């Protein structure tokens, strides 16, 4: 198992992100909401992460939460890749109002990835 999170697996395309929010399916497990669409011609499953500025004014807090979400995704993504041959474009949005511990974020991420 490769636990890395290289650039090729990071969701950066503005067009794909807009498509995710307009046509993608979504579900949530507090404190994370996930948007996803299957992508046919992709090499890897790509993932993006966001924390709204409305809920966390300080960039330090937003960056810490994004780091925690990326880390929990990085450790759980092997489940997503081994289950089936499908590749996805996934966007994780933090919907909580306050900072939570890493363990709570990790359990939410784990259940979301298993649900995918």
PDB file of N, CA and C in Angstrom:
ATOM      1  N   UNK A   1       0.837  -1.188   0.000  1.00  0.00           N
ATOM      2  CA  UNK A   1       0.000   0.000   0.000  1.00  0.00           C
ATOM      3  C   UNK A   1       0.876   1.243   0.000  1.00  0.00           C
ATOM      4  N   UNK A   2       0.492   2.174  -0.833  1.00  0.00           N
ATOM      5  CA  UNK A   2       1.219   3.428  -0.927  1.00  0.00           C
ATOM      6  C   UNK A   2       0.402   4.511  -0.224  1.00  0.00           C
ATOM      7  N   UNK A   3       0.951   5.083   0.827  1.00  0.00           N
ATOM      8  CA  UNK A   3       0.221   6.074   1.611  1.00  0.00           C
ATOM      9  C   UNK A   3       0.532   7.508   1.208  1.00  0.00           C
ATOM     10  N   UNK A   4       1.183   7.703   0.069  1.00  0.00           N
ATOM     11  CA  UNK A   4       1.533   9.064  -0.332  1.00  0.00           C
ATOM     12  C   UNK A   4       0.310   9.781  -0.910  1.00  0.00           C
ATOM     13  N   UNK A   5       0.417  11.086  -1.036  1.00  0.00           N
ATOM     14  CA  UNK A   5      -0.634  11.911  -1.625  1.00  0.00           C
ATOM     15  C   UNK A   5       0.030  12.860  -2.623  1.00  0.00           C
ATOM     16  N   UNK A   6       0.397  12.338  -3.819  1.00  0.00           N
ATOM     17  CA  UNK A   6       1.140  13.147  -4.786  1.00  0.00           C
ATOM     18  C   UNK A   6       0.275  14.212  -5.463  1.00  0.00           C
ATOM     19  N   UNK A   7       0.929  15.110  -6.193  1.00  0.00           N
ATOM     20  CA  UNK A   7       0.241  16.191  -6.881  1.00  0.00           C
ATOM     21  C   UNK A   7      -0.811  15.680  -7.856  1.00  0.00           C
ATOM     22  N   UNK A   8      -0.543  14.547  -8.475  1.00  0.00           N
ATOM     23  CA  UNK A   8      -1.473  14.006  -9.472  1.00  0.00           C
ATOM     24  C   UNK A   8      -2.808  13.585  -8.854  1.00  0.00           C
ATOM     25  N   UNK A   9      -2.853  13.419  -7.540  1.00  0.00           N
ATOM     26  CA  UNK A   9      -4.089  13.031  -6.861  1.00  0.00           C
ATOM     27  C   UNK A   9      -4.810  14.220  -6.231  1.00  0.00           C
ATOM     28  N   UNK A  10      -4.268  15.422  -6.395  1.00  0.00           N
ATOM     29  CA  UNK A  10      -4.902  16.614  -5.836  1.00  0.00           C
ATOM     30  C   UNK A  10      -5.828  17.233  -6.874  1.00  0.00           C
ATOM     31  N   UNK A  11      -7.013  17.560  -6.467  1.00  0.00           N
ATOM     32  CA  UNK A  11      -8.016  18.143  -7.349  1.00  0.00           C
ATOM     33  C   UNK A  11      -7.751  19.638  -7.472  1.00  0.00           C
ATOM     34  N   UNK A  12      -7.399  20.084  -8.678  1.00  0.00           N
ATOM     35  CA  UNK A  12      -7.061  21.488  -8.885  1.00  0.00           C
ATOM     36  C   UNK A  12      -7.853  22.129 -10.013  1.00  0.00           C
ATOM     37  N   UNK A  13      -8.459  21.341 -10.867  1.00  0.00           N
ATOM     38  CA  UNK A  13      -9.155  21.850 -12.040  1.00  0.00           C
ATOM     39  C   UNK A  13     -10.426  22.603 -11.642  1.00  0.00           C
ATOM     40  N   UNK A  14     -10.490  23.872 -12.014  1.00  0.00           N
ATOM     41  CA  UNK A  14     -11.658  24.695 -11.697  1.00  0.00           C
ATOM     42  C   UNK A  14     -12.911  24.113 -12.346  1.00  0.00           C
ATOM     43  N   UNK A  15     -12.768  23.620 -13.572  1.00  0.00           N
ATOM     44  CA  UNK A  15     -13.906  23.055 -14.303  1.00  0.00           C
ATOM     45  C   UNK A  15     -14.460  21.822 -13.581  1.00  0.00           C
ATOM     46  N   UNK A  16     -13.576  20.963 -13.114  1.00  0.00           N
ATOM     47  CA  UNK A  16     -14.008  19.757 -12.401  1.00  0.00           C
ATOM     48  C   UNK A  16     -14.666  20.112 -11.070  1.00  0.00           C
ATOM     49  N   UNK A  17     -14.117  21.096 -10.377  1.00  0.00           N
ATOM     50  CA  UNK A  17     -14.689  21.510  -9.091  1.00  0.00           C
ATOM     51  C   UNK A  17     -16.087  22.090  -9.288  1.00  0.00           C
ATOM     52  N   UNK A  18     -16.267  22.923 -10.325  1.00  0.00           N
ATOM     53  CA  UNK A  18     -17.593  23.473 -10.613  1.00  0.00           C
ATOM     54  C   UNK A  18     -18.575  22.365 -10.983  1.00  0.00           C
ATOM     55  N   UNK A  19     -18.097  21.373 -11.736  1.00  0.00           N
ATOM     56  CA  UNK A  19     -18.931  20.234 -12.109  1.00  0.00           C
ATOM     57  C   UNK A  19     -19.346  19.436 -10.870  1.00  0.00           C
ATOM     58  N   UNK A  20     -18.427  19.290  -9.922  1.00  0.00           N
ATOM     59  CA  UNK A  20     -18.731  18.582  -8.673  1.00  0.00           C
ATOM     60  C   UNK A  20     -19.885  19.247  -7.926  1.00  0.00           C
ATOM     61  N   UNK A  21     -19.828  20.569  -7.805  1.00  0.00           N
ATOM     62  CA  UNK A  21     -20.853  21.270  -7.036  1.00  0.00           C
ATOM     63  C   UNK A  21     -22.180  21.356  -7.786  1.00  0.00           C
ATOM     64  N   UNK A  22     -22.140  21.391  -9.121  1.00  0.00           N
ATOM     65  CA  UNK A  22     -23.389  21.519  -9.872  1.00  0.00           C
ATOM     66  C   UNK A  22     -24.057  20.168 -10.137  1.00  0.00           C
ATOM     67  N   UNK A  23     -23.275  19.144 -10.495  1.00  0.00           N
ATOM     68  CA  UNK A  23     -23.869  17.878 -10.901  1.00  0.00           C
ATOM     69  C   UNK A  23     -23.502  16.692 -10.010  1.00  0.00           C
ATOM     70  N   UNK A  24     -22.589  16.897  -9.081  1.00  0.00           N
ATOM     71  CA  UNK A  24     -22.122  15.785  -8.261  1.00  0.00           C
ATOM     72  C   UNK A  24     -23.105  15.375  -7.188  1.00  0.00           C
ATOM     73  N   UNK A  25     -22.956  14.159  -6.721  1.00  0.00           N
ATOM     74  CA  UNK A  25     -23.756  13.662  -5.604  1.00  0.00           C
ATOM     75  C   UNK A  25     -23.032  14.025  -4.311  1.00  0.00           C
ATOM     76  N   UNK A  26     -23.793  14.111  -3.227  1.00  0.00           N
ATOM     77  CA  UNK A  26     -23.163  14.469  -1.955  1.00  0.00           C
ATOM     78  C   UNK A  26     -23.854  13.766  -0.798  1.00  0.00           C
ATOM     79  N   UNK A  27     -23.098  13.593   0.261  1.00  0.00           N
ATOM     80  CA  UNK A  27     -23.624  13.124   1.534  1.00  0.00           C
ATOM     81  C   UNK A  27     -22.659  13.600   2.607  1.00  0.00           C
ATOM     82  N   UNK A  28     -23.075  13.513   3.857  1.00  0.00           N
ATOM     83  CA  UNK A  28     -22.213  14.044   4.909  1.00  0.00           C
ATOM     84  C   UNK A  28     -22.225  13.151   6.134  1.00  0.00           C
ATOM     85  N   UNK A  29     -21.173  13.290   6.880  1.00  0.00           N
ATOM     86  CA  UNK A  29     -21.016  12.683   8.203  1.00  0.00           C
ATOM     87  C   UNK A  29     -20.314  13.751   9.012  1.00  0.00           C
ATOM     88  N   UNK A  30     -21.016  14.297   9.996  1.00  0.00           N
ATOM     89  CA  UNK A  30     -20.470  15.438  10.722  1.00  0.00           C
ATOM     90  C   UNK A  30     -19.045  15.160  11.176  1.00  0.00           C
ATOM     91  N   UNK A  31     -18.133  16.063  10.943  1.00  0.00           N
ATOM     92  CA  UNK A  31     -18.177  17.441  10.469  1.00  0.00           C
ATOM     93  C   UNK A  31     -17.768  17.622   9.006  1.00  0.00           C
ATOM     94  N   UNK A  32     -17.892  16.584   8.172  1.00  0.00           N
ATOM     95  CA  UNK A  32     -17.418  16.676   6.788  1.00  0.00           C
ATOM     96  C   UNK A  32     -18.550  16.356   5.825  1.00  0.00           C
ATOM     97  N   UNK A  33     -18.651  17.154   4.761  1.00  0.00           N
ATOM     98  CA  UNK A  33     -19.572  16.874   3.668  1.00  0.00           C
ATOM     99  C   UNK A  33     -18.732  16.538   2.454  1.00  0.00           C
ATOM    100  N   UNK A  34     -19.132  15.516   1.705  1.00  0.00           N
ATOM    101  CA  UNK A  34     -18.349  15.081   0.551  1.00  0.00           C
ATOM    102  C   UNK A  34     -19.191  15.198  -0.719  1.00  0.00           C
ATOM    103  N   UNK A  35     -18.585  15.758  -1.767  1.00  0.00           N
ATOM    104  CA  UNK A  35     -19.172  15.825  -3.099  1.00  0.00           C
ATOM    105  C   UNK A  35     -18.333  14.921  -3.988  1.00  0.00           C
ATOM    106  N   UNK A  36     -18.982  14.146  -4.866  1.00  0.00           N
ATOM    107  CA  UNK A  36     -18.197  13.260  -5.727  1.00  0.00           C
ATOM    108  C   UNK A  36     -18.893  13.014  -7.053  1.00  0.00           C
ATOM    109  N   UNK A  37     -18.093  12.745  -8.072  1.00  0.00           N
ATOM    110  CA  UNK A  37     -18.573  12.288  -9.368  1.00  0.00           C
ATOM    111  C   UNK A  37     -17.591  11.244  -9.880  1.00  0.00           C
ATOM    112  N   UNK A  38     -18.088  10.202 -10.543  1.00  0.00           N
ATOM    113  CA  UNK A  38     -17.167   9.245 -11.163  1.00  0.00           C
ATOM    114  C   UNK A  38     -16.523   9.876 -12.397  1.00  0.00           C
ATOM    115  N   UNK A  39     -15.244   9.617 -12.584  1.00  0.00           N
ATOM    116  CA  UNK A  39     -14.504  10.155 -13.723  1.00  0.00           C
ATOM    117  C   UNK A  39     -13.960   8.974 -14.514  1.00  0.00           C
ATOM    118  N   UNK A  40     -14.228   8.965 -15.805  1.00  0.00           N
ATOM    119  CA  UNK A  40     -13.860   7.808 -16.615  1.00  0.00           C
ATOM    120  C   UNK A  40     -12.400   7.805 -17.049  1.00  0.00           C
ATOM    121  N   UNK A  41     -11.897   8.928 -17.536  1.00  0.00           N
ATOM    122  CA  UNK A  41     -10.568   8.946 -18.144  1.00  0.00           C
ATOM    123  C   UNK A  41      -9.468   9.401 -17.192  1.00  0.00           C
ATOM    124  N   UNK A  42      -9.643   9.195 -15.921  1.00  0.00           N
ATOM    125  CA  UNK A  42      -8.653   9.660 -14.951  1.00  0.00           C
ATOM    126  C   UNK A  42      -7.681   8.543 -14.582  1.00  0.00           C
ATOM    127  N   UNK A  43      -6.442   8.933 -14.342  1.00  0.00           N
ATOM    128  CA  UNK A  43      -5.443   7.964 -13.886  1.00  0.00           C
ATOM    129  C   UNK A  43      -5.666   7.618 -12.419  1.00  0.00           C
ATOM    130  N   UNK A  44      -5.932   8.644 -11.618  1.00  0.00           N
ATOM    131  CA  UNK A  44      -6.091   8.472 -10.170  1.00  0.00           C
ATOM    132  C   UNK A  44      -7.389   9.105  -9.706  1.00  0.00           C
ATOM    133  N   UNK A  45      -7.820   8.700  -8.529  1.00  0.00           N
ATOM    134  CA  UNK A  45      -8.892   9.414  -7.861  1.00  0.00           C
ATOM    135  C   UNK A  45      -8.300  10.719  -7.354  1.00  0.00           C
ATOM    136  N   UNK A  46      -8.979  11.835  -7.648  1.00  0.00           N
ATOM    137  CA  UNK A  46      -8.475  13.138  -7.226  1.00  0.00           C
ATOM    138  C   UNK A  46      -9.342  13.680  -6.101  1.00  0.00           C
ATOM    139  N   UNK A  47      -8.695  14.316  -5.127  1.00  0.00           N
ATOM    140  CA  UNK A  47      -9.413  14.827  -3.965  1.00  0.00           C
ATOM    141  C   UNK A  47      -9.033  16.274  -3.688  1.00  0.00           C
ATOM    142  N   UNK A  48     -10.022  17.051  -3.249  1.00  0.00           N
ATOM    143  CA  UNK A  48      -9.813  18.436  -2.846  1.00  0.00           C
ATOM    144  C   UNK A  48     -10.417  18.650  -1.469  1.00  0.00           C
ATOM    145  N   UNK A  49      -9.923  19.671  -0.773  1.00  0.00           N
ATOM    146  CA  UNK A  49     -10.350  19.920   0.605  1.00  0.00           C
ATOM    147  C   UNK A  49     -10.598  21.411   0.797  1.00  0.00           C
ATOM    148  N   UNK A  50     -11.631  21.764   1.577  1.00  0.00           N
ATOM    149  CA  UNK A  50     -11.915  23.174   1.835  1.00  0.00           C
ATOM    150  C   UNK A  50     -12.514  23.352   3.224  1.00  0.00           C
ATOM    151  N   UNK A  51     -12.203  24.505   3.796  1.00  0.00           N
ATOM    152  CA  UNK A  51     -12.772  24.922   5.073  1.00  0.00           C
ATOM    153  C   UNK A  51     -13.268  26.350   4.866  1.00  0.00           C
ATOM    154  N   UNK A  52     -14.553  26.629   5.110  1.00  0.00           N
ATOM    155  CA  UNK A  52     -15.091  27.954   4.816  1.00  0.00           C
ATOM    156  C   UNK A  52     -14.536  29.055   5.725  1.00  0.00           C
ATOM    157  N   UNK A  53     -14.236  30.172   5.101  1.00  0.00           N
ATOM    158  CA  UNK A  53     -13.732  31.336   5.821  1.00  0.00           C
ATOM    159  C   UNK A  53     -14.823  31.921   6.728  1.00  0.00           C
ATOM    160  N   UNK A  54     -16.073  31.686   6.376  1.00  0.00           N
ATOM    161  CA  UNK A  54     -17.190  32.179   7.169  1.00  0.00           C
ATOM    162  C   UNK A  54     -17.158  31.613   8.589  1.00  0.00           C
ATOM    163  N   UNK A  55     -16.751  30.342   8.716  1.00  0.00           N
ATOM    164  CA  UNK A  55     -16.748  29.693  10.025  1.00  0.00           C
ATOM    165  C   UNK A  55     -15.429  29.849  10.767  1.00  0.00           C
ATOM    166  N   UNK A  56     -14.328  29.982  10.027  1.00  0.00           N
ATOM    167  CA  UNK A  56     -12.996  30.094  10.639  1.00  0.00           C
ATOM    168  C   UNK A  56     -12.274  31.287  10.023  1.00  0.00           C
ATOM    169  N   UNK A  57     -12.249  32.380  10.748  1.00  0.00           N
ATOM    170  CA  UNK A  57     -11.681  33.624  10.219  1.00  0.00           C
ATOM    171  C   UNK A  57     -10.170  33.549  10.058  1.00  0.00           C
ATOM    172  N   UNK A  58      -9.508  32.850  10.971  1.00  0.00           N
ATOM    173  CA  UNK A  58      -8.042  32.808  10.947  1.00  0.00           C
ATOM    174  C   UNK A  58      -7.548  31.711  10.011  1.00  0.00           C
ATOM    175  N   UNK A  59      -6.631  32.075   9.128  1.00  0.00           N
ATOM    176  CA  UNK A  59      -6.077  31.123   8.164  1.00  0.00           C
ATOM    177  C   UNK A  59      -5.377  29.964   8.867  1.00  0.00           C
ATOM    178  N   UNK A  60      -4.819  30.226  10.032  1.00  0.00           N
ATOM    179  CA  UNK A  60      -4.130  29.186  10.795  1.00  0.00           C
ATOM    180  C   UNK A  60      -5.096  28.041  11.113  1.00  0.00           C
ATOM    181  N   UNK A  61      -6.301  28.394  11.533  1.00  0.00           N
ATOM    182  CA  UNK A  61      -7.304  27.383  11.876  1.00  0.00           C
ATOM    183  C   UNK A  61      -7.758  26.615  10.635  1.00  0.00           C
ATOM    184  N   UNK A  62      -8.020  27.347   9.540  1.00  0.00           N
ATOM    185  CA  UNK A  62      -8.448  26.688   8.298  1.00  0.00           C
ATOM    186  C   UNK A  62      -7.382  25.733   7.791  1.00  0.00           C
ATOM    187  N   UNK A  63      -6.136  26.166   7.812  1.00  0.00           N
ATOM    188  CA  UNK A  63      -5.043  25.321   7.322  1.00  0.00           C
ATOM    189  C   UNK A  63      -4.857  24.081   8.185  1.00  0.00           C
ATOM    190  N   UNK A  64      -5.012  24.226   9.491  1.00  0.00           N
ATOM    191  CA  UNK A  64      -4.866  23.070  10.383  1.00  0.00           C
ATOM    192  C   UNK A  64      -5.942  22.021  10.101  1.00  0.00           C
ATOM    193  N   UNK A  65      -7.176  22.466   9.934  1.00  0.00           N
ATOM    194  CA  UNK A  65      -8.271  21.531   9.662  1.00  0.00           C
ATOM    195  C   UNK A  65      -8.068  20.854   8.308  1.00  0.00           C
ATOM    196  N   UNK A  66      -7.643  21.628   7.300  1.00  0.00           N
ATOM    197  CA  UNK A  66      -7.375  21.028   5.984  1.00  0.00           C
ATOM    198  C   UNK A  66      -6.247  20.007   6.070  1.00  0.00           C
ATOM    199  N   UNK A  67      -5.226  20.304   6.858  1.00  0.00           N
ATOM    200  CA  UNK A  67      -4.118  19.364   7.048  1.00  0.00           C
ATOM    201  C   UNK A  67      -4.610  18.070   7.687  1.00  0.00           C
ATOM    202  N   UNK A  68      -5.475  18.204   8.676  1.00  0.00           N
ATOM    203  CA  UNK A  68      -6.020  17.024   9.351  1.00  0.00           C
ATOM    204  C   UNK A  68      -6.891  16.198   8.403  1.00  0.00           C
ATOM    205  N   UNK A  69      -7.697  16.864   7.573  1.00  0.00           N
ATOM    206  CA  UNK A  69      -8.530  16.134   6.616  1.00  0.00           C
ATOM    207  C   UNK A  69      -7.672  15.436   5.565  1.00  0.00           C
ATOM    208  N   UNK A  70      -6.640  16.116   5.072  1.00  0.00           N
ATOM    209  CA  UNK A  70      -5.740  15.503   4.080  1.00  0.00           C
ATOM    210  C   UNK A  70      -5.042  14.283   4.655  1.00  0.00           C
ATOM    211  N   UNK A  71      -4.597  14.388   5.892  1.00  0.00           N
ATOM    212  CA  UNK A  71      -3.894  13.273   6.533  1.00  0.00           C
ATOM    213  C   UNK A  71      -4.824  12.076   6.720  1.00  0.00           C
ATOM    214  N   UNK A  72      -6.037  12.312   7.181  1.00  0.00           N
ATOM    215  CA  UNK A  72      -6.956  11.191   7.379  1.00  0.00           C
ATOM    216  C   UNK A  72      -7.358  10.578   6.036  1.00  0.00           C
ATOM    217  N   UNK A  73      -7.495  11.394   4.988  1.00  0.00           N
ATOM    218  CA  UNK A  73      -7.773  10.856   3.649  1.00  0.00           C
ATOM    219  C   UNK A  73      -6.591  10.030   3.148  1.00  0.00           C
ATOM    220  N   UNK A  74      -5.399  10.538   3.330  1.00  0.00           N
ATOM    221  CA  UNK A  74      -4.185   9.870   2.854  1.00  0.00           C
ATOM    222  C   UNK A  74      -4.059   8.469   3.450  1.00  0.00           C
ATOM    223  N   UNK A  75      -4.411   8.334   4.718  1.00  0.00           N
ATOM    224  CA  UNK A  75      -4.302   7.042   5.390  1.00  0.00           C
ATOM    225  C   UNK A  75      -5.454   6.093   5.042  1.00  0.00           C
ATOM    226  N   UNK A  76      -6.568   6.625   4.541  1.00  0.00           N
ATOM    227  CA  UNK A  76      -7.739   5.793   4.247  1.00  0.00           C
ATOM    228  C   UNK A  76      -7.977   5.557   2.761  1.00  0.00           C
ATOM    229  N   UNK A  77      -7.245   6.238   1.882  1.00  0.00           N
ATOM    230  CA  UNK A  77      -7.559   6.180   0.453  1.00  0.00           C
ATOM    231  C   UNK A  77      -7.344   4.805  -0.160  1.00  0.00           C
ATOM    232  N   UNK A  78      -6.533   3.958   0.465  1.00  0.00           N
ATOM    233  CA  UNK A  78      -6.327   2.614  -0.081  1.00  0.00           C
ATOM    234  C   UNK A  78      -7.629   1.813  -0.101  1.00  0.00           C
ATOM    235  N   UNK A  79      -8.529   2.088   0.834  1.00  0.00           N
ATOM    236  CA  UNK A  79      -9.830   1.417   0.862  1.00  0.00           C
ATOM    237  C   UNK A  79     -10.627   1.796  -0.386  1.00  0.00           C
ATOM    238  N   UNK A  80     -10.582   3.054  -0.740  1.00  0.00           N
ATOM    239  CA  UNK A  80     -11.304   3.566  -1.904  1.00  0.00           C
ATOM    240  C   UNK A  80     -10.758   2.974  -3.197  1.00  0.00           C
ATOM    241  N   UNK A  81      -9.445   2.865  -3.317  1.00  0.00           N
ATOM    242  CA  UNK A  81      -8.826   2.367  -4.542  1.00  0.00           C
ATOM    243  C   UNK A  81      -8.931   0.858  -4.684  1.00  0.00           C
ATOM    244  N   UNK A  82      -9.000   0.126  -3.577  1.00  0.00           N
ATOM    245  CA  UNK A  82      -9.021  -1.334  -3.660  1.00  0.00           C
ATOM    246  C   UNK A  82     -10.426  -1.902  -3.853  1.00  0.00           C
ATOM    247  N   UNK A  83     -11.447  -1.154  -3.454  1.00  0.00           N
ATOM    248  CA  UNK A  83     -12.820  -1.660  -3.521  1.00  0.00           C
ATOM    249  C   UNK A  83     -13.272  -1.945  -4.953  1.00  0.00           C
ATOM    250  N   UNK A  84     -13.009  -1.013  -5.854  1.00  0.00           N
ATOM    251  CA  UNK A  84     -13.449  -1.186  -7.238  1.00  0.00           C
ATOM    252  C   UNK A  84     -12.502  -0.420  -8.156  1.00  0.00           C
ATOM    253  N   UNK A  85     -12.679  -0.598  -9.435  1.00  0.00           N
ATOM    254  CA  UNK A  85     -11.799   0.060 -10.390  1.00  0.00           C
ATOM    255  C   UNK A  85     -12.218   1.474 -10.719  1.00  0.00           C
ATOM    256  N   UNK A  86     -13.282   1.972 -10.105  1.00  0.00           N
ATOM    257  CA  UNK A  86     -13.770   3.311 -10.413  1.00  0.00           C
ATOM    258  C   UNK A  86     -12.829   4.387  -9.897  1.00  0.00           C
ATOM    259  N   UNK A  87     -12.726   5.459 -10.656  1.00  0.00           N
ATOM    260  CA  UNK A  87     -11.962   6.633 -10.237  1.00  0.00           C
ATOM    261  C   UNK A  87     -12.956   7.773 -10.023  1.00  0.00           C
ATOM    262  N   UNK A  88     -12.723   8.554  -8.998  1.00  0.00           N
ATOM    263  CA  UNK A  88     -13.634   9.633  -8.639  1.00  0.00           C
ATOM    264  C   UNK A  88     -12.914  10.974  -8.593  1.00  0.00           C
ATOM    265  N   UNK A  89     -13.701  12.029  -8.719  1.00  0.00           N
ATOM    266  CA  UNK A  89     -13.277  13.364  -8.328  1.00  0.00           C
ATOM    267  C   UNK A  89     -14.058  13.633  -7.044  1.00  0.00           C
ATOM    268  N   UNK A  90     -13.347  13.870  -5.960  1.00  0.00           N
ATOM    269  CA  UNK A  90     -13.966  13.997  -4.638  1.00  0.00           C
ATOM    270  C   UNK A  90     -13.590  15.344  -4.041  1.00  0.00           C
ATOM    271  N   UNK A  91     -14.554  15.978  -3.376  1.00  0.00           N
ATOM    272  CA  UNK A  91     -14.281  17.233  -2.695  1.00  0.00           C
ATOM    273  C   UNK A  91     -14.829  17.133  -1.280  1.00  0.00           C
ATOM    274  N   UNK A  92     -13.958  17.327  -0.293  1.00  0.00           N
ATOM    275  CA  UNK A  92     -14.341  17.255   1.115  1.00  0.00           C
ATOM    276  C   UNK A  92     -14.485  18.675   1.659  1.00  0.00           C
ATOM    277  N   UNK A  93     -15.655  18.971   2.220  1.00  0.00           N
ATOM    278  CA  UNK A  93     -15.944  20.292   2.762  1.00  0.00           C
ATOM    279  C   UNK A  93     -16.205  20.161   4.258  1.00  0.00           C
ATOM    280  N   UNK A  94     -15.471  20.923   5.050  1.00  0.00           N
ATOM    281  CA  UNK A  94     -15.639  20.899   6.505  1.00  0.00           C
ATOM    282  C   UNK A  94     -16.842  21.762   6.851  1.00  0.00           C
ATOM    283  N   UNK A  95     -17.862  21.183   7.490  1.00  0.00           N
ATOM    284  CA  UNK A  95     -19.083  21.925   7.786  1.00  0.00           C
ATOM    285  C   UNK A  95     -19.256  22.230   9.271  1.00  0.00           C
ATOM    286  N   UNK A  96     -18.305  21.806  10.098  1.00  0.00           N
ATOM    287  CA  UNK A  96     -18.385  22.079  11.532  1.00  0.00           C
ATOM    288  C   UNK A  96     -18.163  23.553  11.835  1.00  0.00           C
ATOM    289  N   UNK A  97     -18.612  23.983  12.989  1.00  0.00           N
ATOM    290  CA  UNK A  97     -18.471  25.384  13.390  1.00  0.00           C
ATOM    291  C   UNK A  97     -17.272  25.624  14.299  1.00  0.00           C
ATOM    292  N   UNK A  98     -16.734  24.556  14.892  1.00  0.00           N
ATOM    293  CA  UNK A  98     -15.550  24.717  15.740  1.00  0.00           C
ATOM    294  C   UNK A  98     -14.541  23.629  15.423  1.00  0.00           C
ATOM    295  N   UNK A  99     -13.315  23.852  15.877  1.00  0.00           N
ATOM    296  CA  UNK A  99     -12.249  22.885  15.635  1.00  0.00           C
ATOM    297  C   UNK A  99     -12.517  21.631  16.461  1.00  0.00           C
ATOM    298  N   UNK A 100     -12.370  20.489  15.830  1.00  0.00           N
ATOM    299  CA  UNK A 100     -12.545  19.219  16.520  1.00  0.00           C
ATOM    300  C   UNK A 100     -11.217  18.483  16.561  1.00  0.00           C
ATOM    301  N   UNK A 101     -11.148  17.467  17.383  1.00  0.00           N
ATOM    302  CA  UNK A 101      -9.919  16.690  17.486  1.00  0.00           C
ATOM    303  C   UNK A 101      -9.708  15.874  16.213  1.00  0.00           C
ATOM    304  N   UNK A 102      -8.464  15.492  16.000  1.00  0.00           N
ATOM    305  CA  UNK A 102      -8.113  14.708  14.814  1.00  0.00           C
ATOM    306  C   UNK A 102      -8.863  13.382  14.790  1.00  0.00           C
ATOM    307  N   UNK A 103      -9.067  12.771  15.945  1.00  0.00           N
ATOM    308  CA  UNK A 103      -9.735  11.462  15.990  1.00  0.00           C
ATOM    309  C   UNK A 103     -11.176  11.544  15.478  1.00  0.00           C
ATOM    310  N   UNK A 104     -11.881  12.639  15.772  1.00  0.00           N
ATOM    311  CA  UNK A 104     -13.255  12.792  15.288  1.00  0.00           C
ATOM    312  C   UNK A 104     -13.275  13.004  13.777  1.00  0.00           C
ATOM    313  N   UNK A 105     -12.325  13.789  13.279  1.00  0.00           N
ATOM    314  CA  UNK A 105     -12.224  14.007  11.834  1.00  0.00           C
ATOM    315  C   UNK A 105     -11.877  12.697  11.138  1.00  0.00           C
ATOM    316  N   UNK A 106     -10.988  11.930  11.750  1.00  0.00           N
ATOM    317  CA  UNK A 106     -10.557  10.659  11.158  1.00  0.00           C
ATOM    318  C   UNK A 106     -11.703   9.649  11.087  1.00  0.00           C
ATOM    319  N   UNK A 107     -12.509   9.547  12.140  1.00  0.00           N
ATOM    320  CA  UNK A 107     -13.630   8.600  12.113  1.00  0.00           C
ATOM    321  C   UNK A 107     -14.680   9.018  11.081  1.00  0.00           C
ATOM    322  N   UNK A 108     -14.927  10.320  10.962  1.00  0.00           N
ATOM    323  CA  UNK A 108     -15.872  10.800   9.947  1.00  0.00           C
ATOM    324  C   UNK A 108     -15.354  10.497   8.549  1.00  0.00           C
ATOM    325  N   UNK A 109     -14.069  10.741   8.312  1.00  0.00           N
ATOM    326  CA  UNK A 109     -13.466  10.487   7.004  1.00  0.00           C
ATOM    327  C   UNK A 109     -13.508   8.998   6.673  1.00  0.00           C
ATOM    328  N   UNK A 110     -13.241   8.171   7.662  1.00  0.00           N
ATOM    329  CA  UNK A 110     -13.253   6.719   7.467  1.00  0.00           C
ATOM    330  C   UNK A 110     -14.637   6.236   7.038  1.00  0.00           C
ATOM    331  N   UNK A 111     -15.675   6.712   7.705  1.00  0.00           N
ATOM    332  CA  UNK A 111     -17.026   6.274   7.351  1.00  0.00           C
ATOM    333  C   UNK A 111     -17.452   6.817   5.988  1.00  0.00           C
ATOM    334  N   UNK A 112     -17.020   8.039   5.642  1.00  0.00           N
ATOM    335  CA  UNK A 112     -17.349   8.603   4.330  1.00  0.00           C
ATOM    336  C   UNK A 112     -16.694   7.816   3.205  1.00  0.00           C
ATOM    337  N   UNK A 113     -15.443   7.456   3.381  1.00  0.00           N
ATOM    338  CA  UNK A 113     -14.723   6.721   2.338  1.00  0.00           C
ATOM    339  C   UNK A 113     -15.313   5.324   2.164  1.00  0.00           C
ATOM    340  N   UNK A 114     -15.704   4.694   3.260  1.00  0.00           N
ATOM    341  CA  UNK A 114     -16.336   3.372   3.150  1.00  0.00           C
ATOM    342  C   UNK A 114     -17.685   3.469   2.443  1.00  0.00           C
ATOM    343  N   UNK A 115     -18.387   4.580   2.642  1.00  0.00           N
ATOM    344  CA  UNK A 115     -19.691   4.780   2.014  1.00  0.00           C
ATOM    345  C   UNK A 115     -19.565   4.998   0.507  1.00  0.00           C
ATOM    346  N   UNK A 116     -18.454   5.589   0.082  1.00  0.00           N
ATOM    347  CA  UNK A 116     -18.221   5.802  -1.353  1.00  0.00           C
ATOM    348  C   UNK A 116     -18.092   4.465  -2.051  1.00  0.00           C
TER     349      UNK A 116
END
